[in-house]
Amino acid sequence: MFNSRNCIIVMFLVLLAAAPILAETKSGSGNFGVTTKLLAAGTEINPGEYSVKWKSNSPEATVTFVTEGKAPIVVKGKVVMADKKFDFNSMGIEKDSSGRDVLKMLQFGGKKISIVF
C-alpha cells in the first residue's frame, strides 16, 4: 500500500537524484582566450586570457570575466541546458550590423551548460 510515509520517501529519493543536475546549473567557470575585441551583452571585452565565472538561481545568469591586472567585467546572460556534455570550452561569435564581433554564447567543457548573451 502506498501511504504518505512511502510517498515522502519516494519524493526525497527523486530530489536526491536530481540534486547534481540542479547544482550544475547554479554556478560554474571556465577559461577562455579572447583574441579580438568583443561585445558581450553590450559590454566591451578586450583581448586576453579570462577566467569566466557564472552564477544563476534561474535561467538568468550573472557572468564575470576576470583577467589579471584588470577590473572584472560583469554581464547578464541566460543558462541553456544541452542534451550532452560539451567536450571543451568554446565561444560563439557573430558580426553585428556595424561589423563588430559580438559574443553570443559560451559553452563549458565537461558540462551541459551554455550561457547565451
PDB file of N, CA and C in Angstrom:
ATOM      1  N   MET A   1       0.843  -1.179   0.000  1.00  0.00           N
ATOM      2  CA  MET A   1       0.000   0.000   0.000  1.00  0.00           C
ATOM      3  C   MET A   1       0.888   1.241   0.000  1.00  0.00           C
ATOM      4  N   PHE A   2       0.492   2.255  -0.715  1.00  0.00           N
ATOM      5  CA  PHE A   2       1.273   3.476  -0.885  1.00  0.00           C
ATOM      6  C   PHE A   2       0.735   4.542   0.059  1.00  0.00           C
ATOM      7  N   ASN A   3       1.315   4.627   1.252  1.00  0.00           N
ATOM      8  CA  ASN A   3       0.847   5.608   2.237  1.00  0.00           C
ATOM      9  C   ASN A   3       1.690   6.882   2.176  1.00  0.00           C
ATOM     10  N   SER A   4       1.384   7.838   3.026  1.00  0.00           N
ATOM     11  CA  SER A   4       2.067   9.138   2.980  1.00  0.00           C
ATOM     12  C   SER A   4       3.555   9.010   3.312  1.00  0.00           C
ATOM     13  N   ARG A   5       3.928   8.099   4.179  1.00  0.00           N
ATOM     14  CA  ARG A   5       5.346   7.894   4.514  1.00  0.00           C
ATOM     15  C   ARG A   5       6.110   7.421   3.295  1.00  0.00           C
ATOM     16  N   ASN A   6       5.553   6.452   2.575  1.00  0.00           N
ATOM     17  CA  ASN A   6       6.210   5.961   1.359  1.00  0.00           C
ATOM     18  C   ASN A   6       6.302   7.062   0.307  1.00  0.00           C
ATOM     19  N   CYS A   7       5.282   7.878   0.211  1.00  0.00           N
ATOM     20  CA  CYS A   7       5.271   8.985  -0.748  1.00  0.00           C
ATOM     21  C   CYS A   7       6.396   9.973  -0.436  1.00  0.00           C
ATOM     22  N   ILE A   8       6.572  10.284   0.826  1.00  0.00           N
ATOM     23  CA  ILE A   8       7.638  11.207   1.242  1.00  0.00           C
ATOM     24  C   ILE A   8       9.007  10.617   0.932  1.00  0.00           C
ATOM     25  N   ILE A   9       9.182   9.343   1.171  1.00  0.00           N
ATOM     26  CA  ILE A   9      10.456   8.681   0.880  1.00  0.00           C
ATOM     27  C   ILE A   9      10.744   8.716  -0.611  1.00  0.00           C
ATOM     28  N   VAL A  10       9.751   8.438  -1.441  1.00  0.00           N
ATOM     29  CA  VAL A  10       9.931   8.463  -2.894  1.00  0.00           C
ATOM     30  C   VAL A  10      10.274   9.879  -3.361  1.00  0.00           C
ATOM     31  N   MET A  11       9.589  10.879  -2.841  1.00  0.00           N
ATOM     32  CA  MET A  11       9.878  12.266  -3.218  1.00  0.00           C
ATOM     33  C   MET A  11      11.300  12.648  -2.810  1.00  0.00           C
ATOM     34  N   PHE A  12      11.736  12.228  -1.632  1.00  0.00           N
ATOM     35  CA  PHE A  12      13.090  12.511  -1.176  1.00  0.00           C
ATOM     36  C   PHE A  12      14.120  11.877  -2.110  1.00  0.00           C
ATOM     37  N   LEU A  13      13.903  10.636  -2.508  1.00  0.00           N
ATOM     38  CA  LEU A  13      14.835   9.952  -3.400  1.00  0.00           C
ATOM     39  C   LEU A  13      14.903  10.622  -4.769  1.00  0.00           C
ATOM     40  N   VAL A  14      13.763  11.084  -5.273  1.00  0.00           N
ATOM     41  CA  VAL A  14      13.750  11.799  -6.555  1.00  0.00           C
ATOM     42  C   VAL A  14      14.547  13.093  -6.443  1.00  0.00           C
ATOM     43  N   LEU A  15      14.351  13.855  -5.368  1.00  0.00           N
ATOM     44  CA  LEU A  15      15.107  15.094  -5.170  1.00  0.00           C
ATOM     45  C   LEU A  15      16.597  14.828  -4.995  1.00  0.00           C
ATOM     46  N   LEU A  16      16.929  13.768  -4.299  1.00  0.00           N
ATOM     47  CA  LEU A  16      18.326  13.409  -4.102  1.00  0.00           C
ATOM     48  C   LEU A  16      18.992  13.067  -5.427  1.00  0.00           C
ATOM     49  N   ALA A  17      18.284  12.354  -6.283  1.00  0.00           N
ATOM     50  CA  ALA A  17      18.824  12.001  -7.605  1.00  0.00           C
ATOM     51  C   ALA A  17      18.965  13.233  -8.493  1.00  0.00           C
ATOM     52  N   ALA A  18      18.076  14.204  -8.340  1.00  0.00           N
ATOM     53  CA  ALA A  18      18.106  15.403  -9.178  1.00  0.00           C
ATOM     54  C   ALA A  18      19.092  16.445  -8.682  1.00  0.00           C
ATOM     55  N   ALA A  19      19.578  16.348  -7.469  1.00  0.00           N
ATOM     56  CA  ALA A  19      20.450  17.375  -6.885  1.00  0.00           C
ATOM     57  C   ALA A  19      21.686  17.687  -7.728  1.00  0.00           C
ATOM     58  N   PRO A  20      22.421  16.687  -8.248  1.00  0.00           N
ATOM     59  CA  PRO A  20      23.588  17.028  -9.065  1.00  0.00           C
ATOM     60  C   PRO A  20      23.224  17.816 -10.322  1.00  0.00           C
ATOM     61  N   ILE A  21      22.097  17.525 -10.914  1.00  0.00           N
ATOM     62  CA  ILE A  21      21.665  18.246 -12.110  1.00  0.00           C
ATOM     63  C   ILE A  21      21.324  19.677 -11.748  1.00  0.00           C
ATOM     64  N   LEU A  22      20.604  19.879 -10.662  1.00  0.00           N
ATOM     65  CA  LEU A  22      20.247  21.225 -10.230  1.00  0.00           C
ATOM     66  C   LEU A  22      21.474  22.013  -9.810  1.00  0.00           C
ATOM     67  N   ALA A  23      22.409  21.381  -9.146  1.00  0.00           N
ATOM     68  CA  ALA A  23      23.618  22.072  -8.692  1.00  0.00           C
ATOM     69  C   ALA A  23      24.463  22.522  -9.869  1.00  0.00           C
ATOM     70  N   GLU A  24      24.486  21.754 -10.946  1.00  0.00           N
ATOM     71  CA  GLU A  24      25.295  22.083 -12.105  1.00  0.00           C
ATOM     72  C   GLU A  24      24.864  23.399 -12.730  1.00  0.00           C
ATOM     73  N   THR A  25      23.600  23.757 -12.615  1.00  0.00           N
ATOM     74  CA  THR A  25      23.127  24.982 -13.246  1.00  0.00           C
ATOM     75  C   THR A  25      23.304  26.210 -12.365  1.00  0.00           C
ATOM     76  N   LYS A  26      23.695  26.069 -11.100  1.00  0.00           N
ATOM     77  CA  LYS A  26      23.799  27.200 -10.180  1.00  0.00           C
ATOM     78  C   LYS A  26      25.043  28.048 -10.417  1.00  0.00           C
ATOM     79  N   SER A  27      26.196  27.421 -10.684  1.00  0.00           N
ATOM     80  CA  SER A  27      27.426  28.170 -10.895  1.00  0.00           C
ATOM     81  C   SER A  27      28.429  27.306 -11.644  1.00  0.00           C
ATOM     82  N   GLY A  28      29.436  27.967 -12.152  1.00  0.00           N
ATOM     83  CA  GLY A  28      30.475  27.252 -12.871  1.00  0.00           C
ATOM     84  C   GLY A  28      31.531  28.219 -13.365  1.00  0.00           C
ATOM     85  N   SER A  29      32.544  27.667 -14.008  1.00  0.00           N
ATOM     86  CA  SER A  29      33.609  28.509 -14.527  1.00  0.00           C
ATOM     87  C   SER A  29      34.335  27.797 -15.655  1.00  0.00           C
ATOM     88  N   GLY A  30      35.102  28.560 -16.377  1.00  0.00           N
ATOM     89  CA  GLY A  30      35.923  28.032 -17.449  1.00  0.00           C
ATOM     90  C   GLY A  30      36.912  29.098 -17.883  1.00  0.00           C
ATOM     91  N   ASN A  31      37.940  28.690 -18.604  1.00  0.00           N
ATOM     92  CA  ASN A  31      38.946  29.618 -19.096  1.00  0.00           C
ATOM     93  C   ASN A  31      38.762  29.812 -20.595  1.00  0.00           C
ATOM     94  N   PHE A  32      38.825  31.069 -21.014  1.00  0.00           N
ATOM     95  CA  PHE A  32      38.614  31.407 -22.414  1.00  0.00           C
ATOM     96  C   PHE A  32      39.668  32.405 -22.861  1.00  0.00           C
ATOM     97  N   GLY A  33      40.223  32.192 -24.049  1.00  0.00           N
ATOM     98  CA  GLY A  33      41.145  33.141 -24.658  1.00  0.00           C
ATOM     99  C   GLY A  33      40.388  33.996 -25.659  1.00  0.00           C
ATOM    100  N   VAL A  34      40.476  35.293 -25.511  1.00  0.00           N
ATOM    101  CA  VAL A  34      39.812  36.226 -26.417  1.00  0.00           C
ATOM    102  C   VAL A  34      40.905  36.854 -27.281  1.00  0.00           C
ATOM    103  N   THR A  35      40.804  36.685 -28.593  1.00  0.00           N
ATOM    104  CA  THR A  35      41.860  37.159 -29.493  1.00  0.00           C
ATOM    105  C   THR A  35      41.524  38.471 -30.188  1.00  0.00           C
ATOM    106  N   THR A  36      40.280  38.908 -30.085  1.00  0.00           N
ATOM    107  CA  THR A  36      39.857  40.159 -30.703  1.00  0.00           C
ATOM    108  C   THR A  36      38.865  40.852 -29.779  1.00  0.00           C
ATOM    109  N   LYS A  37      38.723  42.149 -29.924  1.00  0.00           N
ATOM    110  CA  LYS A  37      37.778  42.891 -29.092  1.00  0.00           C
ATOM    111  C   LYS A  37      36.363  42.372 -29.364  1.00  0.00           C
ATOM    112  N   LEU A  38      35.628  42.074 -28.293  1.00  0.00           N
ATOM    113  CA  LEU A  38      34.267  41.532 -28.393  1.00  0.00           C
ATOM    114  C   LEU A  38      33.284  42.405 -27.627  1.00  0.00           C
ATOM    115  N   LEU A  39      32.030  42.289 -28.005  1.00  0.00           N
ATOM    116  CA  LEU A  39      30.938  42.837 -27.207  1.00  0.00           C
ATOM    117  C   LEU A  39      30.182  41.660 -26.607  1.00  0.00           C
ATOM    118  N   ALA A  40      29.952  41.715 -25.307  1.00  0.00           N
ATOM    119  CA  ALA A  40      29.154  40.691 -24.634  1.00  0.00           C
ATOM    120  C   ALA A  40      28.039  41.419 -23.899  1.00  0.00           C
ATOM    121  N   ALA A  41      26.815  41.200 -24.316  1.00  0.00           N
ATOM    122  CA  ALA A  41      25.656  41.870 -23.717  1.00  0.00           C
ATOM    123  C   ALA A  41      25.871  43.382 -23.677  1.00  0.00           C
ATOM    124  N   GLY A  42      26.460  43.922 -24.758  1.00  0.00           N
ATOM    125  CA  GLY A  42      26.674  45.360 -24.871  1.00  0.00           C
ATOM    126  C   GLY A  42      27.915  45.885 -24.179  1.00  0.00           C
ATOM    127  N   THR A  43      28.681  45.022 -23.526  1.00  0.00           N
ATOM    128  CA  THR A  43      29.885  45.420 -22.796  1.00  0.00           C
ATOM    129  C   THR A  43      31.123  44.963 -23.554  1.00  0.00           C
ATOM    130  N   GLU A  44      32.099  45.849 -23.673  1.00  0.00           N
ATOM    131  CA  GLU A  44      33.317  45.551 -24.419  1.00  0.00           C
ATOM    132  C   GLU A  44      34.258  44.669 -23.614  1.00  0.00           C
ATOM    133  N   ILE A  45      34.796  43.640 -24.288  1.00  0.00           N
ATOM    134  CA  ILE A  45      35.790  42.743 -23.694  1.00  0.00           C
ATOM    135  C   ILE A  45      37.012  42.783 -24.591  1.00  0.00           C
ATOM    136  N   ASN A  46      38.147  43.174 -24.020  1.00  0.00           N
ATOM    137  CA  ASN A  46      39.387  43.285 -24.772  1.00  0.00           C
ATOM    138  C   ASN A  46      40.077  41.930 -24.882  1.00  0.00           C
ATOM    139  N   PRO A  47      40.982  41.782 -25.858  1.00  0.00           N
ATOM    140  CA  PRO A  47      41.722  40.525 -25.980  1.00  0.00           C
ATOM    141  C   PRO A  47      42.478  40.193 -24.696  1.00  0.00           C
ATOM    142  N   GLY A  48      42.570  38.898 -24.409  1.00  0.00           N
ATOM    143  CA  GLY A  48      43.287  38.429 -23.229  1.00  0.00           C
ATOM    144  C   GLY A  48      42.804  37.061 -22.803  1.00  0.00           C
ATOM    145  N   GLU A  49      43.420  36.549 -21.767  1.00  0.00           N
ATOM    146  CA  GLU A  49      43.028  35.270 -21.178  1.00  0.00           C
ATOM    147  C   GLU A  49      42.100  35.553 -20.004  1.00  0.00           C
ATOM    148  N   TYR A  50      40.928  34.947 -20.012  1.00  0.00           N
ATOM    149  CA  TYR A  50      39.914  35.219 -18.997  1.00  0.00           C
ATOM    150  C   TYR A  50      39.493  33.947 -18.282  1.00  0.00           C
ATOM    151  N   SER A  51      39.291  34.093 -16.984  1.00  0.00           N
ATOM    152  CA  SER A  51      38.562  33.108 -16.206  1.00  0.00           C
ATOM    153  C   SER A  51      37.121  33.618 -16.193  1.00  0.00           C
ATOM    154  N   VAL A  52      36.210  32.819 -16.707  1.00  0.00           N
ATOM    155  CA  VAL A  52      34.813  33.226 -16.804  1.00  0.00           C
ATOM    156  C   VAL A  52      34.023  32.430 -15.781  1.00  0.00           C
ATOM    157  N   LYS A  53      33.346  33.142 -14.900  1.00  0.00           N
ATOM    158  CA  LYS A  53      32.544  32.508 -13.849  1.00  0.00           C
ATOM    159  C   LYS A  53      31.100  32.944 -14.011  1.00  0.00           C
ATOM    160  N   TRP A  54      30.180  32.041 -13.735  1.00  0.00           N
ATOM    161  CA  TRP A  54      28.757  32.393 -13.792  1.00  0.00           C
ATOM    162  C   TRP A  54      28.036  31.852 -12.576  1.00  0.00           C
ATOM    163  N   LYS A  55      26.996  32.594 -12.196  1.00  0.00           N
ATOM    164  CA  LYS A  55      26.121  32.198 -11.087  1.00  0.00           C
ATOM    165  C   LYS A  55      24.684  32.415 -11.522  1.00  0.00           C
ATOM    166  N   SER A  56      23.826  31.491 -11.115  1.00  0.00           N
ATOM    167  CA  SER A  56      22.426  31.588 -11.508  1.00  0.00           C
ATOM    168  C   SER A  56      21.530  30.935 -10.475  1.00  0.00           C
ATOM    169  N   ASN A  57      20.380  31.528 -10.240  1.00  0.00           N
ATOM    170  CA  ASN A  57      19.320  30.917  -9.444  1.00  0.00           C
ATOM    171  C   ASN A  57      18.094  30.682 -10.295  1.00  0.00           C
ATOM    172  N   SER A  58      18.186  30.973 -11.550  1.00  0.00           N
ATOM    173  CA  SER A  58      17.094  30.816 -12.508  1.00  0.00           C
ATOM    174  C   SER A  58      17.745  30.721 -13.885  1.00  0.00           C
ATOM    175  N   PRO A  59      17.000  30.799 -14.940  1.00  0.00           N
ATOM    176  CA  PRO A  59      17.661  30.798 -16.249  1.00  0.00           C
ATOM    177  C   PRO A  59      18.583  32.006 -16.460  1.00  0.00           C
ATOM    178  N   GLU A  60      18.328  33.104 -15.734  1.00  0.00           N
ATOM    179  CA  GLU A  60      19.179  34.289 -15.860  1.00  0.00           C
ATOM    180  C   GLU A  60      20.479  34.058 -15.097  1.00  0.00           C
ATOM    181  N   ALA A  61      21.603  34.505 -15.677  1.00  0.00           N
ATOM    182  CA  ALA A  61      22.909  34.290 -15.056  1.00  0.00           C
ATOM    183  C   ALA A  61      23.695  35.591 -15.001  1.00  0.00           C
ATOM    184  N   THR A  62      24.502  35.703 -13.957  1.00  0.00           N
ATOM    185  CA  THR A  62      25.480  36.781 -13.867  1.00  0.00           C
ATOM    186  C   THR A  62      26.819  36.180 -14.260  1.00  0.00           C
ATOM    187  N   VAL A  63      27.436  36.746 -15.296  1.00  0.00           N
ATOM    188  CA  VAL A  63      28.676  36.212 -15.845  1.00  0.00           C
ATOM    189  C   VAL A  63      29.785  37.223 -15.586  1.00  0.00           C
ATOM    190  N   THR A  64      30.898  36.746 -15.012  1.00  0.00           N
ATOM    191  CA  THR A  64      32.021  37.619 -14.683  1.00  0.00           C
ATOM    192  C   THR A  64      33.260  37.162 -15.444  1.00  0.00           C
ATOM    193  N   PHE A  65      33.848  38.092 -16.199  1.00  0.00           N
ATOM    194  CA  PHE A  65      35.094  37.855 -16.925  1.00  0.00           C
ATOM    195  C   PHE A  65      36.219  38.456 -16.087  1.00  0.00           C
ATOM    196  N   VAL A  66      37.194  37.623 -15.689  1.00  0.00           N
ATOM    197  CA  VAL A  66      38.282  38.071 -14.829  1.00  0.00           C
ATOM    198  C   VAL A  66      39.605  37.822 -15.546  1.00  0.00           C
ATOM    199  N   THR A  67      40.426  38.862 -15.617  1.00  0.00           N
ATOM    200  CA  THR A  67      41.772  38.724 -16.157  1.00  0.00           C
ATOM    201  C   THR A  67      42.728  39.471 -15.244  1.00  0.00           C
ATOM    202  N   GLU A  68      43.954  39.013 -15.198  1.00  0.00           N
ATOM    203  CA  GLU A  68      44.939  39.566 -14.273  1.00  0.00           C
ATOM    204  C   GLU A  68      45.191  41.052 -14.530  1.00  0.00           C
ATOM    205  N   GLY A  69      45.182  41.818 -13.458  1.00  0.00           N
ATOM    206  CA  GLY A  69      45.526  43.223 -13.527  1.00  0.00           C
ATOM    207  C   GLY A  69      44.429  44.152 -14.015  1.00  0.00           C
ATOM    208  N   LYS A  70      43.232  43.634 -14.251  1.00  0.00           N
ATOM    209  CA  LYS A  70      42.140  44.482 -14.721  1.00  0.00           C
ATOM    210  C   LYS A  70      40.893  44.233 -13.879  1.00  0.00           C
ATOM    211  N   ALA A  71      40.018  45.228 -13.866  1.00  0.00           N
ATOM    212  CA  ALA A  71      38.760  45.090 -13.121  1.00  0.00           C
ATOM    213  C   ALA A  71      37.890  44.016 -13.774  1.00  0.00           C
ATOM    214  N   PRO A  72      37.173  43.233 -12.985  1.00  0.00           N
ATOM    215  CA  PRO A  72      36.265  42.224 -13.550  1.00  0.00           C
ATOM    216  C   PRO A  72      35.188  42.885 -14.419  1.00  0.00           C
ATOM    217  N   ILE A  73      34.770  42.165 -15.440  1.00  0.00           N
ATOM    218  CA  ILE A  73      33.679  42.610 -16.311  1.00  0.00           C
ATOM    219  C   ILE A  73      32.482  41.733 -16.001  1.00  0.00           C
ATOM    220  N   VAL A  74      31.358  42.341 -15.632  1.00  0.00           N
ATOM    221  CA  VAL A  74      30.164  41.599 -15.246  1.00  0.00           C
ATOM    222  C   VAL A  74      29.048  41.902 -16.251  1.00  0.00           C
ATOM    223  N   VAL A  75      28.466  40.832 -16.815  1.00  0.00           N
ATOM    224  CA  VAL A  75      27.360  40.977 -17.759  1.00  0.00           C
ATOM    225  C   VAL A  75      26.272  39.973 -17.404  1.00  0.00           C
ATOM    226  N   LYS A  76      25.102  40.152 -17.981  1.00  0.00           N
ATOM    227  CA  LYS A  76      23.978  39.229 -17.777  1.00  0.00           C
ATOM    228  C   LYS A  76      23.860  38.295 -18.974  1.00  0.00           C
ATOM    229  N   GLY A  77      23.481  37.062 -18.701  1.00  0.00           N
ATOM    230  CA  GLY A  77      23.252  36.070 -19.734  1.00  0.00           C
ATOM    231  C   GLY A  77      22.119  35.153 -19.319  1.00  0.00           C
ATOM    232  N   LYS A  78      21.943  34.087 -20.077  1.00  0.00           N
ATOM    233  CA  LYS A  78      20.888  33.114 -19.798  1.00  0.00           C
ATOM    234  C   LYS A  78      21.482  31.712 -19.879  1.00  0.00           C
ATOM    235  N   VAL A  79      21.172  30.877 -18.895  1.00  0.00           N
ATOM    236  CA  VAL A  79      21.642  29.495 -18.872  1.00  0.00           C
ATOM    237  C   VAL A  79      20.760  28.647 -19.780  1.00  0.00           C
ATOM    238  N   VAL A  80      21.406  27.860 -20.644  1.00  0.00           N
ATOM    239  CA  VAL A  80      20.702  26.942 -21.536  1.00  0.00           C
ATOM    240  C   VAL A  80      21.312  25.556 -21.347  1.00  0.00           C
ATOM    241  N   MET A  81      20.478  24.572 -21.110  1.00  0.00           N
ATOM    242  CA  MET A  81      20.944  23.191 -20.924  1.00  0.00           C
ATOM    243  C   MET A  81      20.992  22.463 -22.264  1.00  0.00           C
ATOM    244  N   ALA A  82      22.043  21.684 -22.484  1.00  0.00           N
ATOM    245  CA  ALA A  82      22.197  20.870 -23.688  1.00  0.00           C
ATOM    246  C   ALA A  82      21.854  19.419 -23.365  1.00  0.00           C
ATOM    247  N   ASP A  83      21.760  18.595 -24.398  1.00  0.00           N
ATOM    248  CA  ASP A  83      21.450  17.178 -24.218  1.00  0.00           C
ATOM    249  C   ASP A  83      22.649  16.370 -23.735  1.00  0.00           C
ATOM    250  N   LYS A  84      23.853  16.830 -24.086  1.00  0.00           N
ATOM    251  CA  LYS A  84      25.052  16.101 -23.673  1.00  0.00           C
ATOM    252  C   LYS A  84      26.130  17.091 -23.258  1.00  0.00           C
ATOM    253  N   LYS A  85      27.142  16.585 -22.569  1.00  0.00           N
ATOM    254  CA  LYS A  85      28.237  17.434 -22.120  1.00  0.00           C
ATOM    255  C   LYS A  85      29.080  17.880 -23.313  1.00  0.00           C
ATOM    256  N   PHE A  86      29.582  19.110 -23.227  1.00  0.00           N
ATOM    257  CA  PHE A  86      30.474  19.620 -24.261  1.00  0.00           C
ATOM    258  C   PHE A  86      31.875  19.082 -24.024  1.00  0.00           C
ATOM    259  N   ASP A  87      32.615  18.840 -25.103  1.00  0.00           N
ATOM    260  CA  ASP A  87      33.960  18.287 -24.993  1.00  0.00           C
ATOM    261  C   ASP A  87      34.986  19.314 -24.519  1.00  0.00           C
ATOM    262  N   PHE A  88      34.768  20.581 -24.832  1.00  0.00           N
ATOM    263  CA  PHE A  88      35.728  21.620 -24.477  1.00  0.00           C
ATOM    264  C   PHE A  88      35.015  22.961 -24.381  1.00  0.00           C
ATOM    265  N   ASN A  89      35.687  23.945 -23.816  1.00  0.00           N
ATOM    266  CA  ASN A  89      35.145  25.297 -23.753  1.00  0.00           C
ATOM    267  C   ASN A  89      35.149  25.897 -25.159  1.00  0.00           C
ATOM    268  N   SER A  90      34.094  26.612 -25.499  1.00  0.00           N
ATOM    269  CA  SER A  90      34.057  27.272 -26.800  1.00  0.00           C
ATOM    270  C   SER A  90      33.177  28.510 -26.728  1.00  0.00           C
ATOM    271  N   MET A  91      33.385  29.396 -27.717  1.00  0.00           N
ATOM    272  CA  MET A  91      32.632  30.639 -27.804  1.00  0.00           C
ATOM    273  C   MET A  91      31.934  30.698 -29.153  1.00  0.00           C
ATOM    274  N   GLY A  92      30.722  31.241 -29.169  1.00  0.00           N
ATOM    275  CA  GLY A  92      30.003  31.518 -30.409  1.00  0.00           C
ATOM    276  C   GLY A  92      30.064  33.021 -30.652  1.00  0.00           C
ATOM    277  N   ILE A  93      30.659  33.420 -31.765  1.00  0.00           N
ATOM    278  CA  ILE A  93      30.849  34.841 -32.070  1.00  0.00           C
ATOM    279  C   ILE A  93      30.224  35.142 -33.421  1.00  0.00           C
ATOM    280  N   GLU A  94      29.495  36.256 -33.495  1.00  0.00           N
ATOM    281  CA  GLU A  94      28.886  36.721 -34.745  1.00  0.00           C
ATOM    282  C   GLU A  94      29.245  38.180 -34.961  1.00  0.00           C
ATOM    283  N   LYS A  95      29.106  38.643 -36.189  1.00  0.00           N
ATOM    284  CA  LYS A  95      29.301  40.065 -36.512  1.00  0.00           C
ATOM    285  C   LYS A  95      27.951  40.767 -36.392  1.00  0.00           C
ATOM    286  N   ASP A  96      27.971  41.998 -35.828  1.00  0.00           N
ATOM    287  CA  ASP A  96      26.742  42.786 -35.805  1.00  0.00           C
ATOM    288  C   ASP A  96      26.677  43.641 -37.070  1.00  0.00           C
ATOM    289  N   SER A  97      25.660  44.474 -37.191  1.00  0.00           N
ATOM    290  CA  SER A  97      25.463  45.272 -38.403  1.00  0.00           C
ATOM    291  C   SER A  97      26.586  46.283 -38.629  1.00  0.00           C
ATOM    292  N   SER A  98      27.342  46.602 -37.581  1.00  0.00           N
ATOM    293  CA  SER A  98      28.482  47.529 -37.699  1.00  0.00           C
ATOM    294  C   SER A  98      29.793  46.808 -37.974  1.00  0.00           C
ATOM    295  N   GLY A  99      29.747  45.480 -38.065  1.00  0.00           N
ATOM    296  CA  GLY A  99      30.956  44.708 -38.312  1.00  0.00           C
ATOM    297  C   GLY A  99      31.734  44.348 -37.064  1.00  0.00           C
ATOM    298  N   ARG A 100      31.203  44.656 -35.869  1.00  0.00           N
ATOM    299  CA  ARG A 100      31.876  44.316 -34.618  1.00  0.00           C
ATOM    300  C   ARG A 100      31.604  42.857 -34.256  1.00  0.00           C
ATOM    301  N   ASP A 101      32.580  42.238 -33.600  1.00  0.00           N
ATOM    302  CA  ASP A 101      32.424  40.866 -33.126  1.00  0.00           C
ATOM    303  C   ASP A 101      31.611  40.874 -31.839  1.00  0.00           C
ATOM    304  N   VAL A 102      30.546  40.077 -31.817  1.00  0.00           N
ATOM    305  CA  VAL A 102      29.642  40.014 -30.674  1.00  0.00           C
ATOM    306  C   VAL A 102      29.640  38.587 -30.132  1.00  0.00           C
ATOM    307  N   LEU A 103      29.916  38.460 -28.837  1.00  0.00           N
ATOM    308  CA  LEU A 103      29.871  37.160 -28.169  1.00  0.00           C
ATOM    309  C   LEU A 103      28.420  36.777 -27.962  1.00  0.00           C
ATOM    310  N   LYS A 104      27.997  35.694 -28.571  1.00  0.00           N
ATOM    311  CA  LYS A 104      26.611  35.237 -28.467  1.00  0.00           C
ATOM    312  C   LYS A 104      26.438  34.100 -27.471  1.00  0.00           C
ATOM    313  N   MET A 105      27.522  33.304 -27.253  1.00  0.00           N
ATOM    314  CA  MET A 105      27.362  32.107 -26.435  1.00  0.00           C
ATOM    315  C   MET A 105      28.704  31.624 -25.911  1.00  0.00           C
ATOM    316  N   LEU A 106      28.684  31.057 -24.715  1.00  0.00           N
ATOM    317  CA  LEU A 106      29.813  30.331 -24.136  1.00  0.00           C
ATOM    318  C   LEU A 106      29.356  28.912 -23.841  1.00  0.00           C
ATOM    319  N   GLN A 107      30.187  27.941 -24.182  1.00  0.00           N
ATOM    320  CA  GLN A 107      29.922  26.544 -23.828  1.00  0.00           C
ATOM    321  C   GLN A 107      31.051  26.087 -22.911  1.00  0.00           C
ATOM    322  N   PHE A 108      30.682  25.382 -21.847  1.00  0.00           N
ATOM    323  CA  PHE A 108      31.647  24.963 -20.847  1.00  0.00           C
ATOM    324  C   PHE A 108      31.952  23.478 -20.991  1.00  0.00           C
ATOM    325  N   GLY A 109      33.226  23.152 -21.255  1.00  0.00           N
ATOM    326  CA  GLY A 109      33.654  21.768 -21.413  1.00  0.00           C
ATOM    327  C   GLY A 109      33.381  20.937 -20.172  1.00  0.00           C
ATOM    328  N   GLY A 110      32.895  19.715 -20.384  1.00  0.00           N
ATOM    329  CA  GLY A 110      32.595  18.818 -19.276  1.00  0.00           C
ATOM    330  C   GLY A 110      31.246  19.071 -18.630  1.00  0.00           C
ATOM    331  N   LYS A 111      30.505  20.060 -19.150  1.00  0.00           N
ATOM    332  CA  LYS A 111      29.179  20.385 -18.614  1.00  0.00           C
ATOM    333  C   LYS A 111      28.165  20.422 -19.751  1.00  0.00           C
ATOM    334  N   LYS A 112      26.902  20.387 -19.391  1.00  0.00           N
ATOM    335  CA  LYS A 112      25.803  20.510 -20.352  1.00  0.00           C
ATOM    336  C   LYS A 112      25.289  21.939 -20.411  1.00  0.00           C
ATOM    337  N   ILE A 113      26.123  22.867 -19.984  1.00  0.00           N
ATOM    338  CA  ILE A 113      25.723  24.254 -19.803  1.00  0.00           C
ATOM    339  C   ILE A 113      26.243  25.145 -20.920  1.00  0.00           C
ATOM    340  N   SER A 114      25.354  25.994 -21.444  1.00  0.00           N
ATOM    341  CA  SER A 114      25.746  27.108 -22.308  1.00  0.00           C
ATOM    342  C   SER A 114      25.223  28.373 -21.657  1.00  0.00           C
ATOM    343  N   ILE A 115      25.953  29.457 -21.842  1.00  0.00           N
ATOM    344  CA  ILE A 115      25.463  30.775 -21.450  1.00  0.00           C
ATOM    345  C   ILE A 115      25.248  31.535 -22.743  1.00  0.00           C
ATOM    346  N   VAL A 116      24.038  32.046 -22.925  1.00  0.00           N
ATOM    347  CA  VAL A 116      23.677  32.781 -24.133  1.00  0.00           C
ATOM    348  C   VAL A 116      23.533  34.265 -23.762  1.00  0.00           C
ATOM    349  N   PHE A 117      24.084  35.116 -24.625  1.00  0.00           N
ATOM    350  CA  PHE A 117      24.021  36.559 -24.398  1.00  0.00           C
ATOM    351  C   PHE A 117      23.078  37.199 -25.403  1.00  0.00           C
TER     352      PHE A 117
END
